[in-house]
Amino acid sequence: GLTGEPSAVDALEPMPGDDDATVRLTAAEALWRFGQRDARDRLMEASLSGYTDDSVIGTLALGVHPDPSAFAMLQGKLTDDYAEVQLAAARALGQLGSAAGFGLAREAATSQEPRLRGMAAAAFGDLGAGRCSGCSVSTPAPA
């Protein structure tokens, strides 16, 4: 996806039908990097999954390609029931240029849960990367 090599799409095309959910979602992420909307739609479905891990993968992957629909969905994920999904949304929004998840990352940075602290660190690294023109970006002042 990042090299823009279109021949990679041929290798990726069968993977969304794989038996393994991680393979399916990772392939959808790669195809979304090429801008394939059906891949975006699969990622949006995964982000709504009742399985937290699938939701985290789908949510994170929505930040790899600028798209106003994905951006709007990610903003909603900042209030998900699960902290892991909230932090995935914070990181993905950061990749798209928003610092809307800064407060979530700051709070999670002091969590007793190592996974949440790690996800907070990753979110901090991506906050404000800025690749989504046409997205409504809110950048709150750090607390």
N, C-alpha and C. Protein backbone atom coordinates (compact mmCIF):
# COMPACT_ATOMS: atom_id res chain seq x y z
N GLY A 1 0.78 -1.19 0.00
CA GLY A 1 0.00 0.00 0.00
C GLY A 1 0.83 1.26 0.00
N LEU A 2 1.85 1.34 0.83
CA LEU A 2 2.62 2.58 0.94
C LEU A 2 3.48 2.84 -0.28
N THR A 3 3.91 1.78 -0.96
CA THR A 3 4.71 1.98 -2.17
C THR A 3 3.83 2.32 -3.36
N GLY A 4 2.55 2.02 -3.24
CA GLY A 4 1.64 2.28 -4.36
C GLY A 4 1.77 1.25 -5.46
N GLU A 5 2.39 0.12 -5.18
CA GLU A 5 2.61 -0.91 -6.19
C GLU A 5 1.30 -1.66 -6.46
N PRO A 6 0.67 -1.40 -7.61
CA PRO A 6 -0.63 -2.00 -7.89
C PRO A 6 -0.61 -3.52 -8.00
N SER A 7 0.53 -4.14 -8.30
CA SER A 7 0.55 -5.60 -8.42
C SER A 7 0.30 -6.27 -7.07
N ALA A 8 0.48 -5.53 -5.98
CA ALA A 8 0.19 -6.08 -4.66
C ALA A 8 -1.29 -6.38 -4.50
N VAL A 9 -2.13 -5.62 -5.20
CA VAL A 9 -3.57 -5.83 -5.10
C VAL A 9 -3.93 -7.24 -5.55
N ASP A 10 -3.26 -7.75 -6.59
CA ASP A 10 -3.54 -9.10 -7.07
C ASP A 10 -3.30 -10.13 -5.97
N ALA A 11 -2.24 -9.96 -5.22
CA ALA A 11 -1.93 -10.89 -4.14
C ALA A 11 -2.91 -10.74 -2.97
N LEU A 12 -3.40 -9.52 -2.77
CA LEU A 12 -4.30 -9.24 -1.65
C LEU A 12 -5.74 -9.65 -1.92
N GLU A 13 -6.15 -9.64 -3.17
CA GLU A 13 -7.56 -9.84 -3.53
C GLU A 13 -8.21 -11.07 -2.87
N PRO A 14 -7.56 -12.24 -2.83
CA PRO A 14 -8.24 -13.39 -2.21
C PRO A 14 -8.25 -13.37 -0.67
N MET A 15 -7.41 -12.56 -0.07
CA MET A 15 -7.24 -12.61 1.38
C MET A 15 -8.46 -12.19 2.20
N PRO A 16 -9.30 -11.26 1.74
CA PRO A 16 -10.49 -10.95 2.53
C PRO A 16 -11.44 -12.13 2.72
N GLY A 17 -11.26 -13.20 1.97
CA GLY A 17 -12.05 -14.41 2.13
C GLY A 17 -11.36 -15.48 2.97
N ASP A 18 -10.21 -15.15 3.54
CA ASP A 18 -9.45 -16.11 4.34
C ASP A 18 -10.24 -16.57 5.56
N ASP A 19 -9.93 -17.76 6.05
CA ASP A 19 -10.60 -18.30 7.24
C ASP A 19 -10.21 -17.56 8.52
N ASP A 20 -9.05 -16.96 8.53
CA ASP A 20 -8.54 -16.29 9.73
C ASP A 20 -8.94 -14.81 9.74
N ALA A 21 -9.56 -14.37 10.83
CA ALA A 21 -10.04 -12.99 10.92
C ALA A 21 -8.90 -11.98 10.83
N THR A 22 -7.76 -12.29 11.43
CA THR A 22 -6.64 -11.35 11.38
C THR A 22 -6.14 -11.18 9.96
N VAL A 23 -6.06 -12.26 9.20
CA VAL A 23 -5.65 -12.17 7.79
C VAL A 23 -6.66 -11.33 7.01
N ARG A 24 -7.95 -11.59 7.22
CA ARG A 24 -8.99 -10.83 6.51
C ARG A 24 -8.88 -9.33 6.80
N LEU A 25 -8.72 -8.99 8.07
CA LEU A 25 -8.69 -7.57 8.44
C LEU A 25 -7.39 -6.90 8.02
N THR A 26 -6.29 -7.62 8.10
CA THR A 26 -5.02 -7.04 7.67
C THR A 26 -5.02 -6.82 6.17
N ALA A 27 -5.60 -7.75 5.42
CA ALA A 27 -5.72 -7.57 3.97
C ALA A 27 -6.64 -6.39 3.66
N ALA A 28 -7.73 -6.26 4.41
CA ALA A 28 -8.64 -5.12 4.20
C ALA A 28 -7.91 -3.81 4.47
N GLU A 29 -7.08 -3.78 5.50
CA GLU A 29 -6.29 -2.57 5.78
C GLU A 29 -5.39 -2.24 4.60
N ALA A 30 -4.69 -3.24 4.09
CA ALA A 30 -3.78 -3.00 2.96
C ALA A 30 -4.56 -2.52 1.74
N LEU A 31 -5.70 -3.13 1.46
CA LEU A 31 -6.51 -2.70 0.33
C LEU A 31 -7.08 -1.30 0.54
N TRP A 32 -7.37 -0.96 1.79
CA TRP A 32 -7.86 0.39 2.09
C TRP A 32 -6.77 1.42 1.83
N ARG A 33 -5.51 1.03 2.03
CA ARG A 33 -4.39 1.93 1.70
C ARG A 33 -4.41 2.30 0.21
N PHE A 34 -4.94 1.39 -0.60
CA PHE A 34 -5.08 1.66 -2.03
C PHE A 34 -6.37 2.41 -2.32
N GLY A 35 -7.16 2.67 -1.29
CA GLY A 35 -8.38 3.45 -1.46
C GLY A 35 -9.60 2.64 -1.86
N GLN A 36 -9.55 1.33 -1.72
CA GLN A 36 -10.70 0.50 -2.09
C GLN A 36 -11.80 0.63 -1.04
N ARG A 37 -12.92 1.20 -1.47
CA ARG A 37 -14.02 1.47 -0.54
C ARG A 37 -14.64 0.21 0.07
N ASP A 38 -14.67 -0.89 -0.68
CA ASP A 38 -15.21 -2.11 -0.08
C ASP A 38 -14.34 -2.58 1.08
N ALA A 39 -13.03 -2.32 0.99
CA ALA A 39 -12.14 -2.65 2.10
C ALA A 39 -12.46 -1.74 3.30
N ARG A 40 -12.69 -0.45 3.02
CA ARG A 40 -13.08 0.47 4.10
C ARG A 40 -14.36 -0.03 4.76
N ASP A 41 -15.31 -0.46 3.97
CA ASP A 41 -16.57 -0.94 4.52
C ASP A 41 -16.37 -2.16 5.41
N ARG A 42 -15.47 -3.07 5.01
CA ARG A 42 -15.17 -4.24 5.85
C ARG A 42 -14.53 -3.82 7.16
N LEU A 43 -13.67 -2.80 7.10
CA LEU A 43 -13.04 -2.31 8.32
C LEU A 43 -14.05 -1.63 9.24
N MET A 44 -14.98 -0.90 8.65
CA MET A 44 -16.04 -0.27 9.44
C MET A 44 -16.89 -1.33 10.14
N GLU A 45 -17.20 -2.40 9.42
CA GLU A 45 -17.96 -3.51 10.02
C GLU A 45 -17.16 -4.12 11.18
N ALA A 46 -15.88 -4.32 10.97
CA ALA A 46 -15.04 -4.91 12.03
C ALA A 46 -14.99 -4.00 13.24
N SER A 47 -14.95 -2.70 13.01
CA SER A 47 -14.87 -1.77 14.13
C SER A 47 -16.15 -1.80 14.97
N LEU A 48 -17.24 -2.28 14.39
CA LEU A 48 -18.51 -2.42 15.11
C LEU A 48 -18.70 -3.82 15.69
N SER A 49 -17.70 -4.67 15.51
CA SER A 49 -17.78 -6.05 15.96
C SER A 49 -17.95 -6.15 17.47
N GLY A 50 -18.59 -7.19 17.89
CA GLY A 50 -18.70 -7.47 19.32
C GLY A 50 -17.42 -8.05 19.90
N TYR A 51 -16.46 -8.35 19.05
CA TYR A 51 -15.16 -8.86 19.49
C TYR A 51 -14.20 -7.69 19.60
N THR A 52 -13.72 -7.44 20.79
CA THR A 52 -12.88 -6.26 21.03
C THR A 52 -11.65 -6.25 20.13
N ASP A 53 -10.98 -7.39 19.97
CA ASP A 53 -9.76 -7.41 19.14
C ASP A 53 -10.08 -7.05 17.70
N ASP A 54 -11.16 -7.58 17.15
CA ASP A 54 -11.55 -7.24 15.77
C ASP A 54 -11.89 -5.75 15.68
N SER A 55 -12.57 -5.25 16.69
CA SER A 55 -12.94 -3.84 16.71
C SER A 55 -11.70 -2.96 16.75
N VAL A 56 -10.71 -3.34 17.55
CA VAL A 56 -9.47 -2.57 17.63
C VAL A 56 -8.75 -2.57 16.29
N ILE A 57 -8.63 -3.75 15.67
CA ILE A 57 -7.94 -3.84 14.37
C ILE A 57 -8.66 -3.00 13.32
N GLY A 58 -9.97 -3.16 13.23
CA GLY A 58 -10.73 -2.39 12.25
C GLY A 58 -10.65 -0.90 12.49
N THR A 59 -10.74 -0.50 13.74
CA THR A 59 -10.69 0.92 14.09
C THR A 59 -9.33 1.51 13.75
N LEU A 60 -8.26 0.83 14.14
CA LEU A 60 -6.91 1.32 13.82
C LEU A 60 -6.71 1.46 12.32
N ALA A 61 -7.17 0.47 11.58
CA ALA A 61 -6.95 0.45 10.13
C ALA A 61 -7.67 1.58 9.41
N LEU A 62 -8.74 2.10 9.99
CA LEU A 62 -9.47 3.19 9.34
C LEU A 62 -8.63 4.46 9.26
N GLY A 63 -7.57 4.55 10.05
CA GLY A 63 -6.72 5.73 10.02
C GLY A 63 -5.63 5.72 8.97
N VAL A 64 -5.55 4.67 8.16
CA VAL A 64 -4.46 4.59 7.19
C VAL A 64 -4.73 5.31 5.88
N HIS A 65 -5.98 5.70 5.66
CA HIS A 65 -6.33 6.37 4.40
C HIS A 65 -7.34 7.46 4.71
N PRO A 66 -7.11 8.68 4.25
CA PRO A 66 -8.02 9.77 4.57
C PRO A 66 -9.39 9.60 3.91
N ASP A 67 -10.43 9.68 4.74
CA ASP A 67 -11.79 9.53 4.24
C ASP A 67 -12.74 10.15 5.26
N PRO A 68 -13.55 11.11 4.86
CA PRO A 68 -14.47 11.76 5.81
C PRO A 68 -15.44 10.80 6.51
N SER A 69 -15.91 9.76 5.83
CA SER A 69 -16.83 8.81 6.48
C SER A 69 -16.13 8.04 7.58
N ALA A 70 -14.92 7.58 7.28
CA ALA A 70 -14.14 6.86 8.29
C ALA A 70 -13.81 7.79 9.45
N PHE A 71 -13.48 9.04 9.13
CA PHE A 71 -13.15 10.03 10.15
C PHE A 71 -14.32 10.21 11.12
N ALA A 72 -15.52 10.34 10.56
CA ALA A 72 -16.71 10.52 11.40
C ALA A 72 -16.94 9.30 12.29
N MET A 73 -16.75 8.12 11.74
CA MET A 73 -16.93 6.90 12.54
C MET A 73 -15.91 6.85 13.67
N LEU A 74 -14.68 7.22 13.36
CA LEU A 74 -13.62 7.20 14.38
C LEU A 74 -13.93 8.17 15.52
N GLN A 75 -14.48 9.31 15.19
CA GLN A 75 -14.85 10.26 16.24
C GLN A 75 -15.85 9.64 17.20
N GLY A 76 -16.80 8.89 16.67
CA GLY A 76 -17.77 8.21 17.51
C GLY A 76 -17.15 7.13 18.38
N LYS A 77 -16.08 6.51 17.89
CA LYS A 77 -15.40 5.45 18.63
C LYS A 77 -14.65 5.97 19.85
N LEU A 78 -14.46 7.27 19.94
CA LEU A 78 -13.79 7.83 21.12
C LEU A 78 -14.61 7.61 22.39
N THR A 79 -15.89 7.28 22.24
CA THR A 79 -16.75 7.02 23.39
C THR A 79 -17.20 5.56 23.44
N ASP A 80 -16.49 4.67 22.78
CA ASP A 80 -16.80 3.25 22.79
C ASP A 80 -16.81 2.72 24.22
N ASP A 81 -17.47 1.59 24.43
CA ASP A 81 -17.52 0.98 25.76
C ASP A 81 -16.16 0.45 26.22
N TYR A 82 -15.26 0.18 25.29
CA TYR A 82 -13.97 -0.43 25.63
C TYR A 82 -12.82 0.56 25.43
N ALA A 83 -11.99 0.67 26.45
CA ALA A 83 -10.86 1.61 26.40
C ALA A 83 -9.92 1.30 25.24
N GLU A 84 -9.74 0.02 24.93
CA GLU A 84 -8.84 -0.35 23.82
C GLU A 84 -9.35 0.23 22.50
N VAL A 85 -10.66 0.17 22.30
CA VAL A 85 -11.24 0.70 21.07
C VAL A 85 -11.14 2.23 21.07
N GLN A 86 -11.37 2.86 22.19
CA GLN A 86 -11.23 4.31 22.29
C GLN A 86 -9.81 4.74 21.92
N LEU A 87 -8.83 4.02 22.44
CA LEU A 87 -7.43 4.38 22.16
C LEU A 87 -7.05 4.09 20.71
N ALA A 88 -7.62 3.03 20.15
CA ALA A 88 -7.40 2.76 18.72
C ALA A 88 -7.96 3.91 17.89
N ALA A 89 -9.13 4.41 18.28
CA ALA A 89 -9.73 5.54 17.56
C ALA A 89 -8.89 6.80 17.74
N ALA A 90 -8.37 7.02 18.94
CA ALA A 90 -7.52 8.18 19.19
C ALA A 90 -6.29 8.14 18.28
N ARG A 91 -5.68 6.96 18.18
CA ARG A 91 -4.49 6.82 17.33
C ARG A 91 -4.85 7.00 15.85
N ALA A 92 -5.93 6.37 15.40
CA ALA A 92 -6.33 6.48 14.00
C ALA A 92 -6.67 7.93 13.65
N LEU A 93 -7.39 8.61 14.54
CA LEU A 93 -7.70 10.02 14.30
C LEU A 93 -6.42 10.85 14.26
N GLY A 94 -5.46 10.51 15.11
CA GLY A 94 -4.17 11.20 15.08
C GLY A 94 -3.47 11.04 13.75
N GLN A 95 -3.56 9.84 13.18
CA GLN A 95 -2.95 9.60 11.87
C GLN A 95 -3.61 10.46 10.80
N LEU A 96 -4.85 10.84 11.05
CA LEU A 96 -5.59 11.66 10.09
C LEU A 96 -5.50 13.15 10.40
N GLY A 97 -4.76 13.51 11.45
CA GLY A 97 -4.51 14.92 11.73
C GLY A 97 -5.23 15.49 12.93
N SER A 98 -6.00 14.69 13.63
CA SER A 98 -6.76 15.19 14.77
C SER A 98 -6.07 14.83 16.08
N ALA A 99 -6.16 15.73 17.02
CA ALA A 99 -5.67 15.46 18.38
C ALA A 99 -6.85 15.27 19.33
N ALA A 100 -8.01 14.92 18.79
CA ALA A 100 -9.22 14.77 19.61
C ALA A 100 -9.07 13.70 20.68
N GLY A 101 -8.20 12.73 20.47
CA GLY A 101 -8.00 11.67 21.45
C GLY A 101 -6.91 11.93 22.46
N PHE A 102 -6.38 13.16 22.48
CA PHE A 102 -5.27 13.47 23.39
C PHE A 102 -5.62 13.18 24.84
N GLY A 103 -6.78 13.63 25.28
CA GLY A 103 -7.19 13.43 26.68
C GLY A 103 -7.30 11.96 27.04
N LEU A 104 -7.85 11.15 26.12
CA LEU A 104 -7.94 9.71 26.35
C LEU A 104 -6.56 9.08 26.50
N ALA A 105 -5.66 9.47 25.61
CA ALA A 105 -4.30 8.93 25.68
C ALA A 105 -3.60 9.36 26.96
N ARG A 106 -3.80 10.60 27.33
CA ARG A 106 -3.16 11.11 28.56
C ARG A 106 -3.66 10.34 29.78
N GLU A 107 -4.96 10.09 29.84
CA GLU A 107 -5.53 9.34 30.95
C GLU A 107 -5.03 7.89 30.96
N ALA A 108 -5.00 7.25 29.80
CA ALA A 108 -4.57 5.86 29.71
C ALA A 108 -3.08 5.68 29.99
N ALA A 109 -2.31 6.74 29.81
CA ALA A 109 -0.87 6.66 30.05
C ALA A 109 -0.54 6.29 31.50
N THR A 110 -1.48 6.51 32.40
CA THR A 110 -1.24 6.19 33.81
C THR A 110 -2.07 4.99 34.27
N SER A 111 -2.64 4.25 33.34
CA SER A 111 -3.46 3.09 33.65
C SER A 111 -2.64 1.99 34.33
N GLN A 112 -3.30 1.18 35.09
CA GLN A 112 -2.67 0.00 35.68
C GLN A 112 -2.47 -1.10 34.64
N GLU A 113 -3.16 -0.99 33.52
CA GLU A 113 -3.11 -2.00 32.46
C GLU A 113 -1.98 -1.69 31.48
N PRO A 114 -0.97 -2.56 31.38
CA PRO A 114 0.13 -2.32 30.44
C PRO A 114 -0.33 -2.14 28.99
N ARG A 115 -1.33 -2.92 28.57
CA ARG A 115 -1.81 -2.80 27.19
C ARG A 115 -2.34 -1.39 26.92
N LEU A 116 -3.07 -0.82 27.88
CA LEU A 116 -3.61 0.52 27.70
C LEU A 116 -2.50 1.56 27.70
N ARG A 117 -1.51 1.39 28.54
CA ARG A 117 -0.38 2.33 28.53
C ARG A 117 0.36 2.28 27.20
N GLY A 118 0.54 1.08 26.67
CA GLY A 118 1.20 0.93 25.37
C GLY A 118 0.40 1.55 24.24
N MET A 119 -0.91 1.36 24.29
CA MET A 119 -1.76 1.96 23.26
C MET A 119 -1.77 3.47 23.38
N ALA A 120 -1.69 3.98 24.60
CA ALA A 120 -1.60 5.43 24.80
C ALA A 120 -0.31 5.97 24.19
N ALA A 121 0.79 5.27 24.42
CA ALA A 121 2.08 5.70 23.85
C ALA A 121 2.01 5.73 22.32
N ALA A 122 1.40 4.70 21.74
CA ALA A 122 1.26 4.66 20.28
C ALA A 122 0.39 5.81 19.78
N ALA A 123 -0.68 6.10 20.52
CA ALA A 123 -1.56 7.21 20.13
C ALA A 123 -0.81 8.53 20.17
N PHE A 124 -0.03 8.75 21.23
CA PHE A 124 0.76 9.99 21.32
C PHE A 124 1.68 10.14 20.12
N GLY A 125 2.25 9.04 19.65
CA GLY A 125 3.15 9.08 18.52
C GLY A 125 2.49 9.48 17.22
N ASP A 126 1.18 9.26 17.12
CA ASP A 126 0.47 9.55 15.87
C ASP A 126 -0.43 10.77 15.94
N LEU A 127 -0.65 11.33 17.11
CA LEU A 127 -1.56 12.47 17.22
C LEU A 127 -1.11 13.63 16.34
N GLY A 128 -1.99 14.06 15.48
CA GLY A 128 -1.73 15.23 14.64
C GLY A 128 -0.90 14.98 13.41
N ALA A 129 -0.79 13.72 12.96
CA ALA A 129 0.02 13.41 11.78
C ALA A 129 -0.49 14.11 10.53
N GLY A 130 -1.79 14.28 10.39
CA GLY A 130 -2.39 15.14 9.38
C GLY A 130 -2.42 14.69 7.96
N ARG A 131 -3.26 13.70 7.60
CA ARG A 131 -3.37 13.26 6.22
C ARG A 131 -4.78 13.38 5.67
N CYS A 132 -5.69 14.01 6.37
CA CYS A 132 -7.09 13.98 5.92
C CYS A 132 -7.61 15.37 5.59
N SER A 133 -7.37 15.80 4.35
CA SER A 133 -7.98 17.06 3.94
C SER A 133 -9.46 16.80 3.70
N GLY A 134 -10.28 17.73 4.09
CA GLY A 134 -11.71 17.54 3.96
C GLY A 134 -12.36 16.93 5.19
N CYS A 135 -11.53 16.51 6.17
CA CYS A 135 -12.07 16.02 7.42
C CYS A 135 -12.13 17.18 8.40
N SER A 136 -13.12 17.17 9.23
CA SER A 136 -13.25 18.21 10.24
C SER A 136 -12.37 17.83 11.42
N VAL A 137 -11.27 18.51 11.58
CA VAL A 137 -10.28 18.17 12.59
C VAL A 137 -10.40 19.09 13.79
N SER A 138 -10.62 18.51 14.96
CA SER A 138 -10.63 19.30 16.17
C SER A 138 -9.36 18.99 16.95
N THR A 139 -8.66 20.00 17.34
CA THR A 139 -7.40 19.82 18.04
C THR A 139 -7.49 20.57 19.36
N PRO A 140 -7.88 19.85 20.44
CA PRO A 140 -7.99 20.52 21.73
C PRO A 140 -6.63 20.85 22.31
N ALA A 141 -6.60 21.86 23.15
CA ALA A 141 -5.37 22.20 23.84
C ALA A 141 -5.05 21.09 24.82
N PRO A 142 -3.77 20.74 24.98
CA PRO A 142 -3.41 19.68 25.94
C PRO A 142 -3.88 20.05 27.34
N ALA A 143 -4.37 19.03 28.06
CA ALA A 143 -4.85 19.25 29.44
C ALA A 143 -3.69 19.28 30.41
